[in-house]
Amino acid sequence: MDDQSQDFAPAQTDMAAPGASHPFSHLPIEIVVAVGKARPKLSELLRMGRDAVLALDTKVDDPVELYVGDRLIARGELQELDGDEQGQLAVRLTEVADLKSEL
């Protein structure tokens, strides 16, 4: 996914719904979390099968990027939830794009 020029600010802990008065504010959206990229040769890709390991260009503790469509909207850190949701993967937001002006 492309790194786009977007103004980011540190994530706020108060996640009051910005733009809650917007007529589409209650529609669900799909967010894609990009953890890294790989650039295998086509011949390597064609040889891959079950249990193949595809190395990414990132480390486990590197930030991840969150996208809506092709739009970079935030960055964050991967985490594992505890309690009843133990083992569930989650993202703690560290930077969030200023999207209010576009709503």
PDB file of N, CA and C in Angstrom:
ATOM      1  N   MET A   1       0.844  -1.161   0.000  1.00  0.00           N
ATOM      2  CA  MET A   1       0.000   0.000   0.000  1.00  0.00           C
ATOM      3  C   MET A   1       0.898   1.235   0.000  1.00  0.00           C
ATOM      4  N   ASP A   2       0.476   2.253  -0.668  1.00  0.00           N
ATOM      5  CA  ASP A   2       1.313   3.422  -0.855  1.00  0.00           C
ATOM      6  C   ASP A   2       1.326   4.300   0.379  1.00  0.00           C
ATOM      7  N   ASP A   3       2.498   4.909   0.651  1.00  0.00           N
ATOM      8  CA  ASP A   3       2.601   5.882   1.724  1.00  0.00           C
ATOM      9  C   ASP A   3       2.114   7.207   1.159  1.00  0.00           C
ATOM     10  N   GLN A   4       1.025   7.712   1.691  1.00  0.00           N
ATOM     11  CA  GLN A   4       0.418   8.916   1.145  1.00  0.00           C
ATOM     12  C   GLN A   4       0.708  10.096   2.051  1.00  0.00           C
ATOM     13  N   SER A   5       0.786  11.292   1.455  1.00  0.00           N
ATOM     14  CA  SER A   5       0.992  12.475   2.271  1.00  0.00           C
ATOM     15  C   SER A   5      -0.322  12.821   2.949  1.00  0.00           C
ATOM     16  N   GLN A   6      -0.356  12.645   4.224  1.00  0.00           N
ATOM     17  CA  GLN A   6      -1.563  12.846   5.019  1.00  0.00           C
ATOM     18  C   GLN A   6      -1.112  13.426   6.347  1.00  0.00           C
ATOM     19  N   ASP A   7      -1.841  14.402   6.867  1.00  0.00           N
ATOM     20  CA  ASP A   7      -1.517  14.963   8.166  1.00  0.00           C
ATOM     21  C   ASP A   7      -1.948  13.989   9.246  1.00  0.00           C
ATOM     22  N   PHE A   8      -1.000  13.610  10.099  1.00  0.00           N
ATOM     23  CA  PHE A   8      -1.292  12.695  11.188  1.00  0.00           C
ATOM     24  C   PHE A   8      -1.072  13.397  12.507  1.00  0.00           C
ATOM     25  N   ALA A   9      -1.844  13.020  13.482  1.00  0.00           N
ATOM     26  CA  ALA A   9      -1.695  13.527  14.833  1.00  0.00           C
ATOM     27  C   ALA A   9      -1.636  12.334  15.761  1.00  0.00           C
ATOM     28  N   PRO A  10      -1.005  12.496  16.921  1.00  0.00           N
ATOM     29  CA  PRO A  10      -1.025  11.394  17.879  1.00  0.00           C
ATOM     30  C   PRO A  10      -2.465  10.995  18.179  1.00  0.00           C
ATOM     31  N   ALA A  11      -2.686   9.706  18.350  1.00  0.00           N
ATOM     32  CA  ALA A  11      -4.038   9.217  18.632  1.00  0.00           C
ATOM     33  C   ALA A  11      -4.501   9.752  19.975  1.00  0.00           C
ATOM     34  N   GLN A  12      -5.757  10.153  20.050  1.00  0.00           N
ATOM     35  CA  GLN A  12      -6.338  10.642  21.292  1.00  0.00           C
ATOM     36  C   GLN A  12      -7.016   9.495  22.011  1.00  0.00           C
ATOM     37  N   THR A  13      -6.964   9.526  23.336  1.00  0.00           N
ATOM     38  CA  THR A  13      -7.635   8.473  24.090  1.00  0.00           C
ATOM     39  C   THR A  13      -9.135   8.707  24.124  1.00  0.00           C
ATOM     40  N   ASP A  14      -9.582   9.952  23.976  1.00  0.00           N
ATOM     41  CA  ASP A  14     -11.015  10.251  23.932  1.00  0.00           C
ATOM     42  C   ASP A  14     -11.479  10.084  22.498  1.00  0.00           C
ATOM     43  N   MET A  15     -12.141   8.980  22.216  1.00  0.00           N
ATOM     44  CA  MET A  15     -12.563   8.689  20.849  1.00  0.00           C
ATOM     45  C   MET A  15     -14.020   9.095  20.627  1.00  0.00           C
ATOM     46  N   ALA A  16     -14.392  10.283  21.083  1.00  0.00           N
ATOM     47  CA  ALA A  16     -15.738  10.787  20.815  1.00  0.00           C
ATOM     48  C   ALA A  16     -15.926  10.816  19.313  1.00  0.00           C
ATOM     49  N   ALA A  17     -17.060  10.378  18.861  1.00  0.00           N
ATOM     50  CA  ALA A  17     -17.296  10.197  17.431  1.00  0.00           C
ATOM     51  C   ALA A  17     -17.239  11.521  16.686  1.00  0.00           C
ATOM     52  N   PRO A  18     -16.073  11.826  16.045  1.00  0.00           N
ATOM     53  CA  PRO A  18     -16.026  13.044  15.253  1.00  0.00           C
ATOM     54  C   PRO A  18     -16.948  12.888  14.054  1.00  0.00           C
ATOM     55  N   GLY A  19     -17.668  13.922  13.743  1.00  0.00           N
ATOM     56  CA  GLY A  19     -18.578  13.864  12.606  1.00  0.00           C
ATOM     57  C   GLY A  19     -19.817  13.038  12.887  1.00  0.00           C
ATOM     58  N   ALA A  20     -20.166  12.843  14.166  1.00  0.00           N
ATOM     59  CA  ALA A  20     -21.313  12.008  14.514  1.00  0.00           C
ATOM     60  C   ALA A  20     -22.602  12.565  13.930  1.00  0.00           C
ATOM     61  N   SER A  21     -22.637  13.853  13.606  1.00  0.00           N
ATOM     62  CA  SER A  21     -23.844  14.431  13.029  1.00  0.00           C
ATOM     63  C   SER A  21     -23.902  14.229  11.517  1.00  0.00           C
ATOM     64  N   HIS A  22     -22.867  13.653  10.935  1.00  0.00           N
ATOM     65  CA  HIS A  22     -22.836  13.378   9.499  1.00  0.00           C
ATOM     66  C   HIS A  22     -23.885  12.314   9.184  1.00  0.00           C
ATOM     67  N   PRO A  23     -24.629  12.453   8.082  1.00  0.00           N
ATOM     68  CA  PRO A  23     -25.714  11.505   7.791  1.00  0.00           C
ATOM     69  C   PRO A  23     -25.247  10.061   7.592  1.00  0.00           C
ATOM     70  N   PHE A  24     -23.996   9.844   7.255  1.00  0.00           N
ATOM     71  CA  PHE A  24     -23.494   8.481   7.043  1.00  0.00           C
ATOM     72  C   PHE A  24     -22.668   7.965   8.218  1.00  0.00           C
ATOM     73  N   SER A  25     -22.659   8.684   9.334  1.00  0.00           N
ATOM     74  CA  SER A  25     -21.768   8.331  10.438  1.00  0.00           C
ATOM     75  C   SER A  25     -22.059   6.971  11.062  1.00  0.00           C
ATOM     76  N   HIS A  26     -23.222   6.388  10.832  1.00  0.00           N
ATOM     77  CA  HIS A  26     -23.556   5.095  11.433  1.00  0.00           C
ATOM     78  C   HIS A  26     -23.356   3.928  10.476  1.00  0.00           C
ATOM     79  N   LEU A  27     -22.864   4.188   9.271  1.00  0.00           N
ATOM     80  CA  LEU A  27     -22.609   3.110   8.318  1.00  0.00           C
ATOM     81  C   LEU A  27     -21.296   2.414   8.663  1.00  0.00           C
ATOM     82  N   PRO A  28     -21.268   1.088   8.623  1.00  0.00           N
ATOM     83  CA  PRO A  28     -20.011   0.386   8.895  1.00  0.00           C
ATOM     84  C   PRO A  28     -19.045   0.540   7.719  1.00  0.00           C
ATOM     85  N   ILE A  29     -17.765   0.569   8.030  1.00  0.00           N
ATOM     86  CA  ILE A  29     -16.736   0.622   6.993  1.00  0.00           C
ATOM     87  C   ILE A  29     -15.740  -0.505   7.249  1.00  0.00           C
ATOM     88  N   GLU A  30     -15.035  -0.892   6.209  1.00  0.00           N
ATOM     89  CA  GLU A  30     -14.008  -1.921   6.356  1.00  0.00           C
ATOM     90  C   GLU A  30     -12.647  -1.252   6.431  1.00  0.00           C
ATOM     91  N   ILE A  31     -11.886  -1.595   7.471  1.00  0.00           N
ATOM     92  CA  ILE A  31     -10.536  -1.087   7.647  1.00  0.00           C
ATOM     93  C   ILE A  31      -9.571  -2.239   7.408  1.00  0.00           C
ATOM     94  N   VAL A  32      -8.583  -2.013   6.560  1.00  0.00           N
ATOM     95  CA  VAL A  32      -7.558  -3.013   6.279  1.00  0.00           C
ATOM     96  C   VAL A  32      -6.298  -2.622   7.041  1.00  0.00           C
ATOM     97  N   VAL A  33      -5.720  -3.574   7.754  1.00  0.00           N
ATOM     98  CA  VAL A  33      -4.489  -3.345   8.499  1.00  0.00           C
ATOM     99  C   VAL A  33      -3.341  -3.984   7.721  1.00  0.00           C
ATOM    100  N   ALA A  34      -2.412  -3.155   7.262  1.00  0.00           N
ATOM    101  CA  ALA A  34      -1.263  -3.641   6.488  1.00  0.00           C
ATOM    102  C   ALA A  34      -0.082  -3.845   7.431  1.00  0.00           C
ATOM    103  N   VAL A  35       0.408  -5.072   7.495  1.00  0.00           N
ATOM    104  CA  VAL A  35       1.523  -5.377   8.390  1.00  0.00           C
ATOM    105  C   VAL A  35       2.866  -5.383   7.671  1.00  0.00           C
ATOM    106  N   GLY A  36       2.875  -5.442   6.356  1.00  0.00           N
ATOM    107  CA  GLY A  36       4.132  -5.430   5.626  1.00  0.00           C
ATOM    108  C   GLY A  36       3.935  -5.821   4.179  1.00  0.00           C
ATOM    109  N   LYS A  37       5.041  -5.828   3.451  1.00  0.00           N
ATOM    110  CA  LYS A  37       5.010  -6.172   2.030  1.00  0.00           C
ATOM    111  C   LYS A  37       6.047  -7.246   1.753  1.00  0.00           C
ATOM    112  N   ALA A  38       5.803  -8.011   0.709  1.00  0.00           N
ATOM    113  CA  ALA A  38       6.760  -9.006   0.233  1.00  0.00           C
ATOM    114  C   ALA A  38       6.895  -8.830  -1.275  1.00  0.00           C
ATOM    115  N   ARG A  39       8.077  -9.111  -1.796  1.00  0.00           N
ATOM    116  CA  ARG A  39       8.309  -8.980  -3.238  1.00  0.00           C
ATOM    117  C   ARG A  39       8.997 -10.235  -3.768  1.00  0.00           C
ATOM    118  N   PRO A  40       8.297 -11.360  -3.723  1.00  0.00           N
ATOM    119  CA  PRO A  40       8.913 -12.571  -4.279  1.00  0.00           C
ATOM    120  C   PRO A  40       8.909 -12.504  -5.802  1.00  0.00           C
ATOM    121  N   LYS A  41       9.808 -13.256  -6.396  1.00  0.00           N
ATOM    122  CA  LYS A  41       9.781 -13.406  -7.852  1.00  0.00           C
ATOM    123  C   LYS A  41       8.599 -14.294  -8.198  1.00  0.00           C
ATOM    124  N   LEU A  42       8.076 -14.145  -9.390  1.00  0.00           N
ATOM    125  CA  LEU A  42       6.932 -14.942  -9.810  1.00  0.00           C
ATOM    126  C   LEU A  42       7.233 -16.431  -9.683  1.00  0.00           C
ATOM    127  N   SER A  43       8.440 -16.833 -10.056  1.00  0.00           N
ATOM    128  CA  SER A  43       8.801 -18.254  -9.963  1.00  0.00           C
ATOM    129  C   SER A  43       8.751 -18.745  -8.515  1.00  0.00           C
ATOM    130  N   GLU A  44       9.163 -17.895  -7.562  1.00  0.00           N
ATOM    131  CA  GLU A  44       9.099 -18.262  -6.140  1.00  0.00           C
ATOM    132  C   GLU A  44       7.647 -18.374  -5.688  1.00  0.00           C
ATOM    133  N   LEU A  45       6.827 -17.445  -6.132  1.00  0.00           N
ATOM    134  CA  LEU A  45       5.415 -17.460  -5.770  1.00  0.00           C
ATOM    135  C   LEU A  45       4.732 -18.726  -6.282  1.00  0.00           C
ATOM    136  N   LEU A  46       5.055 -19.117  -7.507  1.00  0.00           N
ATOM    137  CA  LEU A  46       4.444 -20.306  -8.096  1.00  0.00           C
ATOM    138  C   LEU A  46       4.870 -21.590  -7.395  1.00  0.00           C
ATOM    139  N   ARG A  47       6.052 -21.589  -6.767  1.00  0.00           N
ATOM    140  CA  ARG A  47       6.521 -22.773  -6.045  1.00  0.00           C
ATOM    141  C   ARG A  47       5.950 -22.863  -4.633  1.00  0.00           C
ATOM    142  N   MET A  48       5.347 -21.796  -4.146  1.00  0.00           N
ATOM    143  CA  MET A  48       4.829 -21.792  -2.774  1.00  0.00           C
ATOM    144  C   MET A  48       3.624 -22.702  -2.648  1.00  0.00           C
ATOM    145  N   GLY A  49       3.570 -23.349  -1.530  1.00  0.00           N
ATOM    146  CA  GLY A  49       2.443 -24.210  -1.231  1.00  0.00           C
ATOM    147  C   GLY A  49       2.141 -24.133   0.251  1.00  0.00           C
ATOM    148  N   ARG A  50       1.359 -25.052   0.705  1.00  0.00           N
ATOM    149  CA  ARG A  50       0.989 -25.103   2.118  1.00  0.00           C
ATOM    150  C   ARG A  50       2.250 -25.121   2.984  1.00  0.00           C
ATOM    151  N   ASP A  51       2.226 -24.373   4.063  1.00  0.00           N
ATOM    152  CA  ASP A  51       3.316 -24.242   5.040  1.00  0.00           C
ATOM    153  C   ASP A  51       4.504 -23.428   4.537  1.00  0.00           C
ATOM    154  N   ALA A  52       4.405 -22.831   3.356  1.00  0.00           N
ATOM    155  CA  ALA A  52       5.471 -21.938   2.888  1.00  0.00           C
ATOM    156  C   ALA A  52       5.480 -20.693   3.773  1.00  0.00           C
ATOM    157  N   VAL A  53       6.646 -20.123   3.966  1.00  0.00           N
ATOM    158  CA  VAL A  53       6.787 -18.911   4.779  1.00  0.00           C
ATOM    159  C   VAL A  53       7.192 -17.770   3.857  1.00  0.00           C
ATOM    160  N   LEU A  54       6.429 -16.700   3.889  1.00  0.00           N
ATOM    161  CA  LEU A  54       6.677 -15.528   3.061  1.00  0.00           C
ATOM    162  C   LEU A  54       7.219 -14.416   3.958  1.00  0.00           C
ATOM    163  N   ALA A  55       8.493 -14.082   3.799  1.00  0.00           N
ATOM    164  CA  ALA A  55       9.122 -13.053   4.626  1.00  0.00           C
ATOM    165  C   ALA A  55       8.615 -11.671   4.216  1.00  0.00           C
ATOM    166  N   LEU A  56       8.304 -10.853   5.204  1.00  0.00           N
ATOM    167  CA  LEU A  56       7.846  -9.484   4.969  1.00  0.00           C
ATOM    168  C   LEU A  56       8.987  -8.507   5.214  1.00  0.00           C
ATOM    169  N   ASP A  57       8.783  -7.272   4.797  1.00  0.00           N
ATOM    170  CA  ASP A  57       9.802  -6.232   4.952  1.00  0.00           C
ATOM    171  C   ASP A  57       9.712  -5.513   6.293  1.00  0.00           C
ATOM    172  N   THR A  58       9.029  -6.112   7.259  1.00  0.00           N
ATOM    173  CA  THR A  58       8.841  -5.478   8.560  1.00  0.00           C
ATOM    174  C   THR A  58       9.203  -6.437   9.684  1.00  0.00           C
ATOM    175  N   LYS A  59       9.426  -5.873  10.849  1.00  0.00           N
ATOM    176  CA  LYS A  59       9.687  -6.647  12.064  1.00  0.00           C
ATOM    177  C   LYS A  59       8.388  -6.742  12.860  1.00  0.00           C
ATOM    178  N   VAL A  60       8.345  -7.653  13.809  1.00  0.00           N
ATOM    179  CA  VAL A  60       7.136  -7.890  14.603  1.00  0.00           C
ATOM    180  C   VAL A  60       6.681  -6.624  15.324  1.00  0.00           C
ATOM    181  N   ASP A  61       7.608  -5.821  15.827  1.00  0.00           N
ATOM    182  CA  ASP A  61       7.237  -4.631  16.604  1.00  0.00           C
ATOM    183  C   ASP A  61       7.096  -3.363  15.765  1.00  0.00           C
ATOM    184  N   ASP A  62       7.249  -3.454  14.444  1.00  0.00           N
ATOM    185  CA  ASP A  62       7.097  -2.272  13.590  1.00  0.00           C
ATOM    186  C   ASP A  62       5.642  -1.807  13.573  1.00  0.00           C
ATOM    187  N   PRO A  63       5.416  -0.505  13.376  1.00  0.00           N
ATOM    188  CA  PRO A  63       4.037  -0.007  13.274  1.00  0.00           C
ATOM    189  C   PRO A  63       3.320  -0.608  12.069  1.00  0.00           C
ATOM    190  N   VAL A  64       2.008  -0.714  12.186  1.00  0.00           N
ATOM    191  CA  VAL A  64       1.167  -1.162  11.077  1.00  0.00           C
ATOM    192  C   VAL A  64       0.398   0.047  10.551  1.00  0.00           C
ATOM    193  N   GLU A  65      -0.111  -0.064   9.327  1.00  0.00           N
ATOM    194  CA  GLU A  65      -0.874   1.028   8.724  1.00  0.00           C
ATOM    195  C   GLU A  65      -2.307   0.585   8.512  1.00  0.00           C
ATOM    196  N   LEU A  66      -3.251   1.491   8.773  1.00  0.00           N
ATOM    197  CA  LEU A  66      -4.673   1.210   8.612  1.00  0.00           C
ATOM    198  C   LEU A  66      -5.200   1.989   7.419  1.00  0.00           C
ATOM    199  N   TYR A  67      -5.936   1.290   6.560  1.00  0.00           N
ATOM    200  CA  TYR A  67      -6.459   1.876   5.329  1.00  0.00           C
ATOM    201  C   TYR A  67      -7.965   1.694   5.240  1.00  0.00           C
ATOM    202  N   VAL A  68      -8.628   2.697   4.670  1.00  0.00           N
ATOM    203  CA  VAL A  68     -10.002   2.569   4.196  1.00  0.00           C
ATOM    204  C   VAL A  68      -9.883   2.742   2.688  1.00  0.00           C
ATOM    205  N   GLY A  69     -10.149   1.671   1.963  1.00  0.00           N
ATOM    206  CA  GLY A  69      -9.858   1.674   0.531  1.00  0.00           C
ATOM    207  C   GLY A  69      -8.360   1.809   0.353  1.00  0.00           C
ATOM    208  N   ASP A  70      -7.932   2.778  -0.464  1.00  0.00           N
ATOM    209  CA  ASP A  70      -6.497   3.003  -0.629  1.00  0.00           C
ATOM    210  C   ASP A  70      -6.013   4.199   0.183  1.00  0.00           C
ATOM    211  N   ARG A  71      -6.845   4.673   1.088  1.00  0.00           N
ATOM    212  CA  ARG A  71      -6.549   5.860   1.898  1.00  0.00           C
ATOM    213  C   ARG A  71      -5.958   5.485   3.249  1.00  0.00           C
ATOM    214  N   LEU A  72      -4.734   5.926   3.520  1.00  0.00           N
ATOM    215  CA  LEU A  72      -4.084   5.707   4.803  1.00  0.00           C
ATOM    216  C   LEU A  72      -4.760   6.590   5.843  1.00  0.00           C
ATOM    217  N   ILE A  73      -5.343   5.971   6.878  1.00  0.00           N
ATOM    218  CA  ILE A  73      -6.083   6.749   7.876  1.00  0.00           C
ATOM    219  C   ILE A  73      -5.436   6.748   9.253  1.00  0.00           C
ATOM    220  N   ALA A  74      -4.545   5.787   9.523  1.00  0.00           N
ATOM    221  CA  ALA A  74      -3.939   5.720  10.851  1.00  0.00           C
ATOM    222  C   ALA A  74      -2.745   4.778  10.843  1.00  0.00           C
ATOM    223  N   ARG A  75      -1.978   4.870  11.921  1.00  0.00           N
ATOM    224  CA  ARG A  75      -0.895   3.923  12.186  1.00  0.00           C
ATOM    225  C   ARG A  75      -1.068   3.422  13.616  1.00  0.00           C
ATOM    226  N   GLY A  76      -0.547   2.243  13.870  1.00  0.00           N
ATOM    227  CA  GLY A  76      -0.700   1.703  15.209  1.00  0.00           C
ATOM    228  C   GLY A  76       0.225   0.536  15.480  1.00  0.00           C
ATOM    229  N   GLU A  77      -0.001  -0.098  16.640  1.00  0.00           N
ATOM    230  CA  GLU A  77       0.802  -1.230  17.091  1.00  0.00           C
ATOM    231  C   GLU A  77      -0.105  -2.434  17.267  1.00  0.00           C
ATOM    232  N   LEU A  78       0.347  -3.592  16.793  1.00  0.00           N
ATOM    233  CA  LEU A  78      -0.422  -4.821  16.979  1.00  0.00           C
ATOM    234  C   LEU A  78      -0.375  -5.240  18.440  1.00  0.00           C
ATOM    235  N   GLN A  79      -1.507  -5.740  18.923  1.00  0.00           N
ATOM    236  CA  GLN A  79      -1.612  -6.232  20.290  1.00  0.00           C
ATOM    237  C   GLN A  79      -2.498  -7.461  20.315  1.00  0.00           C
ATOM    238  N   GLU A  80      -2.338  -8.233  21.371  1.00  0.00           N
ATOM    239  CA  GLU A  80      -3.212  -9.375  21.597  1.00  0.00           C
ATOM    240  C   GLU A  80      -4.117  -9.031  22.769  1.00  0.00           C
ATOM    241  N   LEU A  81      -5.430  -9.227  22.588  1.00  0.00           N
ATOM    242  CA  LEU A  81      -6.379  -8.929  23.649  1.00  0.00           C
ATOM    243  C   LEU A  81      -6.300  -9.984  24.747  1.00  0.00           C
ATOM    244  N   ASP A  82      -6.709  -9.601  25.949  1.00  0.00           N
ATOM    245  CA  ASP A  82      -6.725 -10.499  27.104  1.00  0.00           C
ATOM    246  C   ASP A  82      -8.157 -10.828  27.490  1.00  0.00           C
ATOM    247  N   GLY A  83      -8.301 -11.572  28.566  1.00  0.00           N
ATOM    248  CA  GLY A  83      -9.620 -11.879  29.112  1.00  0.00           C
ATOM    249  C   GLY A  83     -10.409 -12.805  28.225  1.00  0.00           C
ATOM    250  N   ASP A  84     -11.710 -12.504  28.075  1.00  0.00           N
ATOM    251  CA  ASP A  84     -12.597 -13.341  27.269  1.00  0.00           C
ATOM    252  C   ASP A  84     -12.194 -13.361  25.798  1.00  0.00           C
ATOM    253  N   GLU A  85     -11.458 -12.345  25.368  1.00  0.00           N
ATOM    254  CA  GLU A  85     -11.055 -12.247  23.963  1.00  0.00           C
ATOM    255  C   GLU A  85      -9.582 -12.616  23.776  1.00  0.00           C
ATOM    256  N   GLN A  86      -9.026 -13.387  24.701  1.00  0.00           N
ATOM    257  CA  GLN A  86      -7.618 -13.759  24.644  1.00  0.00           C
ATOM    258  C   GLN A  86      -7.284 -14.405  23.303  1.00  0.00           C
ATOM    259  N   GLY A  87      -6.178 -13.987  22.731  1.00  0.00           N
ATOM    260  CA  GLY A  87      -5.760 -14.501  21.436  1.00  0.00           C
ATOM    261  C   GLY A  87      -6.260 -13.669  20.268  1.00  0.00           C
ATOM    262  N   GLN A  88      -7.236 -12.800  20.500  1.00  0.00           N
ATOM    263  CA  GLN A  88      -7.770 -11.930  19.442  1.00  0.00           C
ATOM    264  C   GLN A  88      -6.752 -10.839  19.136  1.00  0.00           C
ATOM    265  N   LEU A  89      -6.461 -10.636  17.879  1.00  0.00           N
ATOM    266  CA  LEU A  89      -5.520  -9.613  17.452  1.00  0.00           C
ATOM    267  C   LEU A  89      -6.225  -8.263  17.402  1.00  0.00           C
ATOM    268  N   ALA A  90      -5.520  -7.206  17.804  1.00  0.00           N
ATOM    269  CA  ALA A  90      -6.085  -5.858  17.824  1.00  0.00           C
ATOM    270  C   ALA A  90      -4.986  -4.863  17.448  1.00  0.00           C
ATOM    271  N   VAL A  91      -5.379  -3.608  17.230  1.00  0.00           N
ATOM    272  CA  VAL A  91      -4.430  -2.542  16.905  1.00  0.00           C
ATOM    273  C   VAL A  91      -4.653  -1.383  17.866  1.00  0.00           C
ATOM    274  N   ARG A  92      -3.577  -0.954  18.535  1.00  0.00           N
ATOM    275  CA  ARG A  92      -3.624   0.261  19.362  1.00  0.00           C
ATOM    276  C   ARG A  92      -3.172   1.414  18.471  1.00  0.00           C
ATOM    277  N   LEU A  93      -4.055   2.392  18.262  1.00  0.00           N
ATOM    278  CA  LEU A  93      -3.749   3.519  17.374  1.00  0.00           C
ATOM    279  C   LEU A  93      -2.722   4.444  18.018  1.00  0.00           C
ATOM    280  N   THR A  94      -1.711   4.806  17.248  1.00  0.00           N
ATOM    281  CA  THR A  94      -0.685   5.733  17.719  1.00  0.00           C
ATOM    282  C   THR A  94      -0.719   7.057  16.963  1.00  0.00           C
ATOM    283  N   GLU A  95      -1.201   7.026  15.726  1.00  0.00           N
ATOM    284  CA  GLU A  95      -1.351   8.234  14.905  1.00  0.00           C
ATOM    285  C   GLU A  95      -2.643   8.107  14.115  1.00  0.00           C
ATOM    286  N   VAL A  96      -3.372   9.214  14.009  1.00  0.00           N
ATOM    287  CA  VAL A  96      -4.639   9.202  13.272  1.00  0.00           C
ATOM    288  C   VAL A  96      -4.670  10.399  12.328  1.00  0.00           C
ATOM    289  N   ALA A  97      -5.052  10.161  11.078  1.00  0.00           N
ATOM    290  CA  ALA A  97      -5.154  11.239  10.089  1.00  0.00           C
ATOM    291  C   ALA A  97      -6.300  12.172  10.454  1.00  0.00           C
ATOM    292  N   ASP A  98      -6.185  13.426  10.066  1.00  0.00           N
ATOM    293  CA  ASP A  98      -7.256  14.395  10.278  1.00  0.00           C
ATOM    294  C   ASP A  98      -8.276  14.219   9.163  1.00  0.00           C
ATOM    295  N   LEU A  99      -9.325  13.471   9.439  1.00  0.00           N
ATOM    296  CA  LEU A  99     -10.344  13.181   8.433  1.00  0.00           C
ATOM    297  C   LEU A  99     -11.585  14.056   8.586  1.00  0.00           C
ATOM    298  N   LYS A 100     -11.671  14.818   9.666  1.00  0.00           N
ATOM    299  CA  LYS A 100     -12.875  15.616   9.939  1.00  0.00           C
ATOM    300  C   LYS A 100     -13.185  16.596   8.816  1.00  0.00           C
ATOM    301  N   SER A 101     -12.153  17.187   8.241  1.00  0.00           N
ATOM    302  CA  SER A 101     -12.387  18.200   7.210  1.00  0.00           C
ATOM    303  C   SER A 101     -12.953  17.602   5.927  1.00  0.00           C
ATOM    304  N   GLU A 102     -12.844  16.281   5.772  1.00  0.00           N
ATOM    305  CA  GLU A 102     -13.323  15.643   4.547  1.00  0.00           C
ATOM    306  C   GLU A 102     -14.728  15.090   4.685  1.00  0.00           C
ATOM    307  N   LEU A 103     -15.288  15.110   5.872  1.00  0.00           N
ATOM    308  CA  LEU A 103     -16.640  14.568   6.065  1.00  0.00           C
ATOM    309  C   LEU A 103     -17.674  15.570   5.723  1.00  0.00           C
TER     310      LEU A 103
END
